[in-house]
Structures are given as structure tokens and as C-alpha cells.
Amino acid sequence: MANSPQAKKRARQNERRFAVNKARRSRIRTFLRKVEEAIASGDQSAAKDALRSAQPELMRGVTKGVVHKNTASRKISRLSARVKALAA
């Protein structure tokens, strides 16, 4: 348990930051799930739109430190390849 005032403050800040990060991570997952569902339905235009809206959300997660840059790039790359494959 935190004893010094600065350790107590740090604990409070960590709780708040954890809540914010958790919400942001959840929001990113929701956007990714929408892309996955659009791909599963086979509708390329819906999948493109979902991917277009998911990309900035993922990259915002990178700037906020929730997701690693390479992880976000990998996810976007793989999803866009799958959306592109729907045309064939």
C-alpha cells in the first residue's frame, strides 16, 4: 500500500489512466470487430468503409501509447489485404 503522499497520488493517477486506456482499447476493438464482421458478410464496400473508420482510431491508440506502432500497422495491413481480397 502507498504510504507517501506522492505514492498515493501516483496510485490515483494510475487508476484514472488505466480507465482511460481500457476505454480506448475497447473502442479500438469495437472498430476492428466491425471490420471483421463486414469482411465475414462479404460486402466489400461496407468492409472498406469500416476499415477507413478503424484506421484513424487504431493510429490514435498508437499516439496515446495504448497500442504499439508496429502492431497497429500489422493489423491495418492484414485487414486491408483481406478487404482487397473480397473483390476477387
PDB file of N, CA and C in Angstrom:
ATOM      1  N   MET A   1       0.847  -1.189   0.000  1.00  0.00           N
ATOM      2  CA  MET A   1       0.000   0.000   0.000  1.00  0.00           C
ATOM      3  C   MET A   1       0.885   1.241   0.000  1.00  0.00           C
ATOM      4  N   ALA A   2       0.459   2.257  -0.748  1.00  0.00           N
ATOM      5  CA  ALA A   2       1.215   3.502  -0.848  1.00  0.00           C
ATOM      6  C   ALA A   2       1.152   4.267   0.473  1.00  0.00           C
ATOM      7  N   ASN A   3       2.307   4.740   0.908  1.00  0.00           N
ATOM      8  CA  ASN A   3       2.362   5.460   2.176  1.00  0.00           C
ATOM      9  C   ASN A   3       2.646   6.946   1.994  1.00  0.00           C
ATOM     10  N   SER A   4       3.599   7.282   1.142  1.00  0.00           N
ATOM     11  CA  SER A   4       3.937   8.694   0.976  1.00  0.00           C
ATOM     12  C   SER A   4       2.869   9.394   0.130  1.00  0.00           C
ATOM     13  N   PRO A   5       2.717  10.689   0.330  1.00  0.00           N
ATOM     14  CA  PRO A   5       1.703  11.434  -0.450  1.00  0.00           C
ATOM     15  C   PRO A   5       1.900  11.284  -1.955  1.00  0.00           C
ATOM     16  N   GLN A   6       3.161  11.300  -2.407  1.00  0.00           N
ATOM     17  CA  GLN A   6       3.372  11.212  -3.858  1.00  0.00           C
ATOM     18  C   GLN A   6       3.041   9.808  -4.374  1.00  0.00           C
ATOM     19  N   ALA A   7       3.251   8.795  -3.552  1.00  0.00           N
ATOM     20  CA  ALA A   7       2.892   7.435  -3.964  1.00  0.00           C
ATOM     21  C   ALA A   7       1.369   7.282  -4.021  1.00  0.00           C
ATOM     22  N   LYS A   8       0.658   7.937  -3.085  1.00  0.00           N
ATOM     23  CA  LYS A   8      -0.801   7.902  -3.099  1.00  0.00           C
ATOM     24  C   LYS A   8      -1.336   8.605  -4.347  1.00  0.00           C
ATOM     25  N   LYS A   9      -0.733   9.731  -4.660  1.00  0.00           N
ATOM     26  CA  LYS A   9      -1.152  10.465  -5.855  1.00  0.00           C
ATOM     27  C   LYS A   9      -0.886   9.630  -7.098  1.00  0.00           C
ATOM     28  N   ARG A  10       0.263   8.986  -7.152  1.00  0.00           N
ATOM     29  CA  ARG A  10       0.618   8.129  -8.281  1.00  0.00           C
ATOM     30  C   ARG A  10      -0.409   7.006  -8.455  1.00  0.00           C
ATOM     31  N   ALA A  11      -0.837   6.433  -7.343  1.00  0.00           N
ATOM     32  CA  ALA A  11      -1.830   5.365  -7.392  1.00  0.00           C
ATOM     33  C   ALA A  11      -3.141   5.880  -7.976  1.00  0.00           C
ATOM     34  N   ARG A  12      -3.548   7.096  -7.575  1.00  0.00           N
ATOM     35  CA  ARG A  12      -4.771   7.697  -8.116  1.00  0.00           C
ATOM     36  C   ARG A  12      -4.628   7.943  -9.613  1.00  0.00           C
ATOM     37  N   GLN A  13      -3.476   8.492 -10.013  1.00  0.00           N
ATOM     38  CA  GLN A  13      -3.250   8.772 -11.429  1.00  0.00           C
ATOM     39  C   GLN A  13      -3.258   7.486 -12.261  1.00  0.00           C
ATOM     40  N   ASN A  14      -2.656   6.433 -11.700  1.00  0.00           N
ATOM     41  CA  ASN A  14      -2.618   5.147 -12.407  1.00  0.00           C
ATOM     42  C   ASN A  14      -4.015   4.592 -12.621  1.00  0.00           C
ATOM     43  N   GLU A  15      -4.875   4.725 -11.615  1.00  0.00           N
ATOM     44  CA  GLU A  15      -6.249   4.240 -11.747  1.00  0.00           C
ATOM     45  C   GLU A  15      -6.977   4.976 -12.862  1.00  0.00           C
ATOM     46  N   ARG A  16      -6.840   6.315 -12.875  1.00  0.00           N
ATOM     47  CA  ARG A  16      -7.504   7.106 -13.903  1.00  0.00           C
ATOM     48  C   ARG A  16      -6.971   6.750 -15.288  1.00  0.00           C
ATOM     49  N   ARG A  17      -5.660   6.655 -15.404  1.00  0.00           N
ATOM     50  CA  ARG A  17      -5.025   6.352 -16.691  1.00  0.00           C
ATOM     51  C   ARG A  17      -5.446   4.965 -17.174  1.00  0.00           C
ATOM     52  N   PHE A  18      -5.528   4.006 -16.227  1.00  0.00           N
ATOM     53  CA  PHE A  18      -5.942   2.645 -16.570  1.00  0.00           C
ATOM     54  C   PHE A  18      -7.355   2.652 -17.153  1.00  0.00           C
ATOM     55  N   ALA A  19      -8.250   3.427 -16.536  1.00  0.00           N
ATOM     56  CA  ALA A  19      -9.638   3.500 -17.012  1.00  0.00           C
ATOM     57  C   ALA A  19      -9.703   4.097 -18.414  1.00  0.00           C
ATOM     58  N   VAL A  20      -8.934   5.156 -18.643  1.00  0.00           N
ATOM     59  CA  VAL A  20      -8.918   5.814 -19.953  1.00  0.00           C
ATOM     60  C   VAL A  20      -8.370   4.863 -21.014  1.00  0.00           C
ATOM     61  N   ASN A  21      -7.259   4.213 -20.687  1.00  0.00           N
ATOM     62  CA  ASN A  21      -6.638   3.289 -21.641  1.00  0.00           C
ATOM     63  C   ASN A  21      -7.552   2.109 -21.938  1.00  0.00           C
ATOM     64  N   LYS A  22      -8.236   1.616 -20.913  1.00  0.00           N
ATOM     65  CA  LYS A  22      -9.136   0.484 -21.085  1.00  0.00           C
ATOM     66  C   LYS A  22     -10.276   0.858 -22.033  1.00  0.00           C
ATOM     67  N   ALA A  23     -10.828   2.045 -21.843  1.00  0.00           N
ATOM     68  CA  ALA A  23     -11.912   2.513 -22.708  1.00  0.00           C
ATOM     69  C   ALA A  23     -11.425   2.664 -24.143  1.00  0.00           C
ATOM     70  N   ARG A  24     -10.227   3.202 -24.288  1.00  0.00           N
ATOM     71  CA  ARG A  24      -9.673   3.413 -25.633  1.00  0.00           C
ATOM     72  C   ARG A  24      -9.410   2.080 -26.327  1.00  0.00           C
ATOM     73  N   ARG A  25      -8.859   1.127 -25.575  1.00  0.00           N
ATOM     74  CA  ARG A  25      -8.588  -0.205 -26.132  1.00  0.00           C
ATOM     75  C   ARG A  25      -9.893  -0.881 -26.559  1.00  0.00           C
ATOM     76  N   SER A  26     -10.922  -0.731 -25.738  1.00  0.00           N
ATOM     77  CA  SER A  26     -12.229  -1.314 -26.034  1.00  0.00           C
ATOM     78  C   SER A  26     -12.806  -0.695 -27.307  1.00  0.00           C
ATOM     79  N   ARG A  27     -12.668   0.623 -27.438  1.00  0.00           N
ATOM     80  CA  ARG A  27     -13.169   1.331 -28.620  1.00  0.00           C
ATOM     81  C   ARG A  27     -12.459   0.845 -29.874  1.00  0.00           C
ATOM     82  N   ILE A  28     -11.151   0.654 -29.792  1.00  0.00           N
ATOM     83  CA  ILE A  28     -10.373   0.160 -30.932  1.00  0.00           C
ATOM     84  C   ILE A  28     -10.849  -1.231 -31.328  1.00  0.00           C
ATOM     85  N   ARG A  29     -11.051  -2.094 -30.325  1.00  0.00           N
ATOM     86  CA  ARG A  29     -11.509  -3.459 -30.600  1.00  0.00           C
ATOM     87  C   ARG A  29     -12.887  -3.456 -31.268  1.00  0.00           C
ATOM     88  N   THR A  30     -13.746  -2.525 -30.859  1.00  0.00           N
ATOM     89  CA  THR A  30     -15.073  -2.428 -31.460  1.00  0.00           C
ATOM     90  C   THR A  30     -14.960  -2.092 -32.941  1.00  0.00           C
ATOM     91  N   PHE A  31     -14.106  -1.128 -33.270  1.00  0.00           N
ATOM     92  CA  PHE A  31     -13.905  -0.754 -34.667  1.00  0.00           C
ATOM     93  C   PHE A  31     -13.355  -1.926 -35.469  1.00  0.00           C
ATOM     94  N   LEU A  32     -12.399  -2.657 -34.883  1.00  0.00           N
ATOM     95  CA  LEU A  32     -11.826  -3.809 -35.573  1.00  0.00           C
ATOM     96  C   LEU A  32     -12.872  -4.900 -35.763  1.00  0.00           C
ATOM     97  N   ARG A  33     -13.732  -5.093 -34.773  1.00  0.00           N
ATOM     98  CA  ARG A  33     -14.770  -6.104 -34.887  1.00  0.00           C
ATOM     99  C   ARG A  33     -15.742  -5.770 -36.014  1.00  0.00           C
ATOM    100  N   LYS A  34     -16.039  -4.477 -36.182  1.00  0.00           N
ATOM    101  CA  LYS A  34     -16.932  -4.061 -37.262  1.00  0.00           C
ATOM    102  C   LYS A  34     -16.323  -4.394 -38.617  1.00  0.00           C
ATOM    103  N   VAL A  35     -15.014  -4.217 -38.752  1.00  0.00           N
ATOM    104  CA  VAL A  35     -14.329  -4.571 -39.999  1.00  0.00           C
ATOM    105  C   VAL A  35     -14.419  -6.073 -40.216  1.00  0.00           C
ATOM    106  N   GLU A  36     -14.146  -6.846 -39.170  1.00  0.00           N
ATOM    107  CA  GLU A  36     -14.200  -8.312 -39.258  1.00  0.00           C
ATOM    108  C   GLU A  36     -15.598  -8.775 -39.689  1.00  0.00           C
ATOM    109  N   GLU A  37     -16.629  -8.170 -39.103  1.00  0.00           N
ATOM    110  CA  GLU A  37     -17.999  -8.562 -39.436  1.00  0.00           C
ATOM    111  C   GLU A  37     -18.330  -8.224 -40.882  1.00  0.00           C
ATOM    112  N   ALA A  38     -17.855  -7.064 -41.345  1.00  0.00           N
ATOM    113  CA  ALA A  38     -18.105  -6.672 -42.733  1.00  0.00           C
ATOM    114  C   ALA A  38     -17.397  -7.622 -43.694  1.00  0.00           C
ATOM    115  N   ILE A  39     -16.193  -8.038 -43.335  1.00  0.00           N
ATOM    116  CA  ILE A  39     -15.456  -8.997 -44.171  1.00  0.00           C
ATOM    117  C   ILE A  39     -16.198 -10.331 -44.184  1.00  0.00           C
ATOM    118  N   ALA A  40     -16.670 -10.750 -43.028  1.00  0.00           N
ATOM    119  CA  ALA A  40     -17.381 -12.028 -42.929  1.00  0.00           C
ATOM    120  C   ALA A  40     -18.668 -12.017 -43.745  1.00  0.00           C
ATOM    121  N   SER A  41     -19.326 -10.858 -43.822  1.00  0.00           N
ATOM    122  CA  SER A  41     -20.571 -10.769 -44.587  1.00  0.00           C
ATOM    123  C   SER A  41     -20.295 -10.785 -46.087  1.00  0.00           C
ATOM    124  N   GLY A  42     -19.060 -10.474 -46.482  1.00  0.00           N
ATOM    125  CA  GLY A  42     -18.693 -10.498 -47.894  1.00  0.00           C
ATOM    126  C   GLY A  42     -19.000  -9.208 -48.630  1.00  0.00           C
ATOM    127  N   ASP A  43     -19.410  -8.172 -47.900  1.00  0.00           N
ATOM    128  CA  ASP A  43     -19.733  -6.880 -48.514  1.00  0.00           C
ATOM    129  C   ASP A  43     -18.482  -6.009 -48.552  1.00  0.00           C
ATOM    130  N   GLN A  44     -17.901  -5.863 -49.747  1.00  0.00           N
ATOM    131  CA  GLN A  44     -16.622  -5.155 -49.831  1.00  0.00           C
ATOM    132  C   GLN A  44     -16.747  -3.667 -49.534  1.00  0.00           C
ATOM    133  N   SER A  45     -17.830  -3.034 -49.997  1.00  0.00           N
ATOM    134  CA  SER A  45     -17.974  -1.590 -49.759  1.00  0.00           C
ATOM    135  C   SER A  45     -18.137  -1.307 -48.261  1.00  0.00           C
ATOM    136  N   ALA A  46     -18.899  -2.136 -47.572  1.00  0.00           N
ATOM    137  CA  ALA A  46     -19.064  -1.963 -46.126  1.00  0.00           C
ATOM    138  C   ALA A  46     -17.745  -2.213 -45.411  1.00  0.00           C
ATOM    139  N   ALA A  47     -16.996  -3.214 -45.882  1.00  0.00           N
ATOM    140  CA  ALA A  47     -15.703  -3.518 -45.273  1.00  0.00           C
ATOM    141  C   ALA A  47     -14.726  -2.371 -45.481  1.00  0.00           C
ATOM    142  N   LYS A  48     -14.744  -1.777 -46.667  1.00  0.00           N
ATOM    143  CA  LYS A  48     -13.860  -0.628 -46.945  1.00  0.00           C
ATOM    144  C   LYS A  48     -14.182   0.534 -46.022  1.00  0.00           C
ATOM    145  N   ASP A  49     -15.485   0.823 -45.880  1.00  0.00           N
ATOM    146  CA  ASP A  49     -15.906   1.922 -45.015  1.00  0.00           C
ATOM    147  C   ASP A  49     -15.511   1.669 -43.561  1.00  0.00           C
ATOM    148  N   ALA A  50     -15.715   0.430 -43.123  1.00  0.00           N
ATOM    149  CA  ALA A  50     -15.370   0.083 -41.740  1.00  0.00           C
ATOM    150  C   ALA A  50     -13.870   0.207 -41.517  1.00  0.00           C
ATOM    151  N   LEU A  51     -13.094  -0.238 -42.490  1.00  0.00           N
ATOM    152  CA  LEU A  51     -11.631  -0.144 -42.377  1.00  0.00           C
ATOM    153  C   LEU A  51     -11.184   1.310 -42.375  1.00  0.00           C
ATOM    154  N   ARG A  52     -11.817   2.117 -43.217  1.00  0.00           N
ATOM    155  CA  ARG A  52     -11.468   3.536 -43.303  1.00  0.00           C
ATOM    156  C   ARG A  52     -11.728   4.248 -41.981  1.00  0.00           C
ATOM    157  N   SER A  53     -12.779   3.833 -41.270  1.00  0.00           N
ATOM    158  CA  SER A  53     -13.067   4.461 -39.976  1.00  0.00           C
ATOM    159  C   SER A  53     -12.214   3.867 -38.859  1.00  0.00           C
ATOM    160  N   ALA A  54     -11.748   2.629 -39.035  1.00  0.00           N
ATOM    161  CA  ALA A  54     -10.950   1.973 -37.995  1.00  0.00           C
ATOM    162  C   ALA A  54      -9.497   2.444 -38.003  1.00  0.00           C
ATOM    163  N   GLN A  55      -8.983   2.801 -39.162  1.00  0.00           N
ATOM    164  CA  GLN A  55      -7.568   3.191 -39.260  1.00  0.00           C
ATOM    165  C   GLN A  55      -7.194   4.361 -38.357  1.00  0.00           C
ATOM    166  N   PRO A  56      -7.914   5.485 -38.419  1.00  0.00           N
ATOM    167  CA  PRO A  56      -7.528   6.597 -37.528  1.00  0.00           C
ATOM    168  C   PRO A  56      -7.660   6.253 -36.055  1.00  0.00           C
ATOM    169  N   GLU A  57      -8.640   5.408 -35.741  1.00  0.00           N
ATOM    170  CA  GLU A  57      -8.838   5.017 -34.340  1.00  0.00           C
ATOM    171  C   GLU A  57      -7.640   4.210 -33.841  1.00  0.00           C
ATOM    172  N   LEU A  58      -7.170   3.291 -34.678  1.00  0.00           N
ATOM    173  CA  LEU A  58      -6.003   2.482 -34.318  1.00  0.00           C
ATOM    174  C   LEU A  58      -4.767   3.365 -34.155  1.00  0.00           C
ATOM    175  N   MET A  59      -4.572   4.274 -35.087  1.00  0.00           N
ATOM    176  CA  MET A  59      -3.389   5.140 -35.029  1.00  0.00           C
ATOM    177  C   MET A  59      -3.467   6.118 -33.858  1.00  0.00           C
ATOM    178  N   ARG A  60      -4.674   6.495 -33.474  1.00  0.00           N
ATOM    179  CA  ARG A  60      -4.824   7.338 -32.285  1.00  0.00           C
ATOM    180  C   ARG A  60      -4.389   6.557 -31.053  1.00  0.00           C
ATOM    181  N   GLY A  61      -4.684   5.279 -31.054  1.00  0.00           N
ATOM    182  CA  GLY A  61      -4.232   4.410 -29.970  1.00  0.00           C
ATOM    183  C   GLY A  61      -2.723   4.354 -29.899  1.00  0.00           C
ATOM    184  N   VAL A  62      -2.070   4.429 -31.068  1.00  0.00           N
ATOM    185  CA  VAL A  62      -0.599   4.433 -31.110  1.00  0.00           C
ATOM    186  C   VAL A  62      -0.067   5.710 -30.479  1.00  0.00           C
ATOM    187  N   THR A  63      -0.629   6.856 -30.863  1.00  0.00           N
ATOM    188  CA  THR A  63      -0.131   8.129 -30.333  1.00  0.00           C
ATOM    189  C   THR A  63      -0.379   8.250 -28.835  1.00  0.00           C
ATOM    190  N   LYS A  64      -1.450   7.601 -28.347  1.00  0.00           N
ATOM    191  CA  LYS A  64      -1.765   7.657 -26.923  1.00  0.00           C
ATOM    192  C   LYS A  64      -1.022   6.587 -26.124  1.00  0.00           C
ATOM    193  N   GLY A  65      -0.303   5.710 -26.821  1.00  0.00           N
ATOM    194  CA  GLY A  65       0.508   4.722 -26.123  1.00  0.00           C
ATOM    195  C   GLY A  65      -0.243   3.475 -25.692  1.00  0.00           C
ATOM    196  N   VAL A  66      -1.423   3.243 -26.268  1.00  0.00           N
ATOM    197  CA  VAL A  66      -2.213   2.073 -25.906  1.00  0.00           C
ATOM    198  C   VAL A  66      -1.789   0.862 -26.735  1.00  0.00           C
ATOM    199  N   VAL A  67      -1.457   1.113 -27.998  1.00  0.00           N
ATOM    200  CA  VAL A  67      -1.071   0.058 -28.926  1.00  0.00           C
ATOM    201  C   VAL A  67       0.298   0.404 -29.495  1.00  0.00           C
ATOM    202  N   HIS A  68       1.124  -0.593 -29.731  1.00  0.00           N
ATOM    203  CA  HIS A  68       2.434  -0.357 -30.340  1.00  0.00           C
ATOM    204  C   HIS A  68       2.250  -0.046 -31.817  1.00  0.00           C
ATOM    205  N   LYS A  69       3.126   0.797 -32.337  1.00  0.00           N
ATOM    206  CA  LYS A  69       3.031   1.253 -33.721  1.00  0.00           C
ATOM    207  C   LYS A  69       3.045   0.089 -34.709  1.00  0.00           C
ATOM    208  N   ASN A  70       3.946  -0.859 -34.498  1.00  0.00           N
ATOM    209  CA  ASN A  70       4.050  -1.989 -35.423  1.00  0.00           C
ATOM    210  C   ASN A  70       2.817  -2.890 -35.351  1.00  0.00           C
ATOM    211  N   THR A  71       2.248  -3.015 -34.164  1.00  0.00           N
ATOM    212  CA  THR A  71       1.037  -3.821 -34.000  1.00  0.00           C
ATOM    213  C   THR A  71      -0.099  -3.211 -34.808  1.00  0.00           C
ATOM    214  N   ALA A  72      -0.276  -1.909 -34.688  1.00  0.00           N
ATOM    215  CA  ALA A  72      -1.341  -1.220 -35.416  1.00  0.00           C
ATOM    216  C   ALA A  72      -1.112  -1.337 -36.921  1.00  0.00           C
ATOM    217  N   SER A  73       0.125  -1.140 -37.354  1.00  0.00           N
ATOM    218  CA  SER A  73       0.441  -1.232 -38.781  1.00  0.00           C
ATOM    219  C   SER A  73       0.160  -2.636 -39.302  1.00  0.00           C
ATOM    220  N   ARG A  74       0.517  -3.631 -38.520  1.00  0.00           N
ATOM    221  CA  ARG A  74       0.291  -5.018 -38.919  1.00  0.00           C
ATOM    222  C   ARG A  74      -1.199  -5.305 -39.054  1.00  0.00           C
ATOM    223  N   LYS A  75      -1.985  -4.848 -38.086  1.00  0.00           N
ATOM    224  CA  LYS A  75      -3.428  -5.086 -38.125  1.00  0.00           C
ATOM    225  C   LYS A  75      -4.052  -4.415 -39.341  1.00  0.00           C
ATOM    226  N   ILE A  76      -3.685  -3.163 -39.586  1.00  0.00           N
ATOM    227  CA  ILE A  76      -4.231  -2.430 -40.727  1.00  0.00           C
ATOM    228  C   ILE A  76      -3.836  -3.116 -42.035  1.00  0.00           C
ATOM    229  N   SER A  77      -2.581  -3.532 -42.119  1.00  0.00           N
ATOM    230  CA  SER A  77      -2.092  -4.180 -43.330  1.00  0.00           C
ATOM    231  C   SER A  77      -2.851  -5.467 -43.608  1.00  0.00           C
ATOM    232  N   ARG A  78      -3.011  -6.290 -42.596  1.00  0.00           N
ATOM    233  CA  ARG A  78      -3.682  -7.581 -42.782  1.00  0.00           C
ATOM    234  C   ARG A  78      -5.166  -7.410 -43.097  1.00  0.00           C
ATOM    235  N   LEU A  79      -5.808  -6.449 -42.413  1.00  0.00           N
ATOM    236  CA  LEU A  79      -7.232  -6.212 -42.690  1.00  0.00           C
ATOM    237  C   LEU A  79      -7.420  -5.667 -44.096  1.00  0.00           C
ATOM    238  N   SER A  80      -6.564  -4.738 -44.519  1.00  0.00           N
ATOM    239  CA  SER A  80      -6.727  -4.164 -45.857  1.00  0.00           C
ATOM    240  C   SER A  80      -6.482  -5.219 -46.930  1.00  0.00           C
ATOM    241  N   ALA A  81      -5.562  -6.150 -46.667  1.00  0.00           N
ATOM    242  CA  ALA A  81      -5.333  -7.237 -47.632  1.00  0.00           C
ATOM    243  C   ALA A  81      -6.574  -8.112 -47.739  1.00  0.00           C
ATOM    244  N   ARG A  82      -7.217  -8.376 -46.598  1.00  0.00           N
ATOM    245  CA  ARG A  82      -8.423  -9.210 -46.616  1.00  0.00           C
ATOM    246  C   ARG A  82      -9.590  -8.488 -47.300  1.00  0.00           C
ATOM    247  N   VAL A  83      -9.691  -7.164 -47.089  1.00  0.00           N
ATOM    248  CA  VAL A  83     -10.750  -6.395 -47.751  1.00  0.00           C
ATOM    249  C   VAL A  83     -10.511  -6.392 -49.256  1.00  0.00           C
ATOM    250  N   LYS A  84      -9.273  -6.224 -49.632  1.00  0.00           N
ATOM    251  CA  LYS A  84      -8.910  -6.203 -51.063  1.00  0.00           C
ATOM    252  C   LYS A  84      -9.204  -7.566 -51.704  1.00  0.00           C
ATOM    253  N   ALA A  85      -9.002  -8.650 -50.949  1.00  0.00           N
ATOM    254  CA  ALA A  85      -9.231  -9.992 -51.474  1.00  0.00           C
ATOM    255  C   ALA A  85     -10.709 -10.277 -51.712  1.00  0.00           C
ATOM    256  N   LEU A  86     -11.609  -9.483 -51.090  1.00  0.00           N
ATOM    257  CA  LEU A  86     -13.038  -9.687 -51.285  1.00  0.00           C
ATOM    258  C   LEU A  86     -13.454  -9.424 -52.736  1.00  0.00           C
ATOM    259  N   ALA A  87     -12.702  -8.558 -53.407  1.00  0.00           N
ATOM    260  CA  ALA A  87     -13.043  -8.205 -54.801  1.00  0.00           C
ATOM    261  C   ALA A  87     -12.851  -9.398 -55.727  1.00  0.00           C
ATOM    262  N   ALA A  88     -11.876 -10.223 -55.416  1.00  0.00           N
ATOM    263  CA  ALA A  88     -11.558 -11.349 -56.302  1.00  0.00           C
ATOM    264  C   ALA A  88     -12.553 -12.482 -56.211  1.00  0.00           C
TER     265      ALA A  88
END
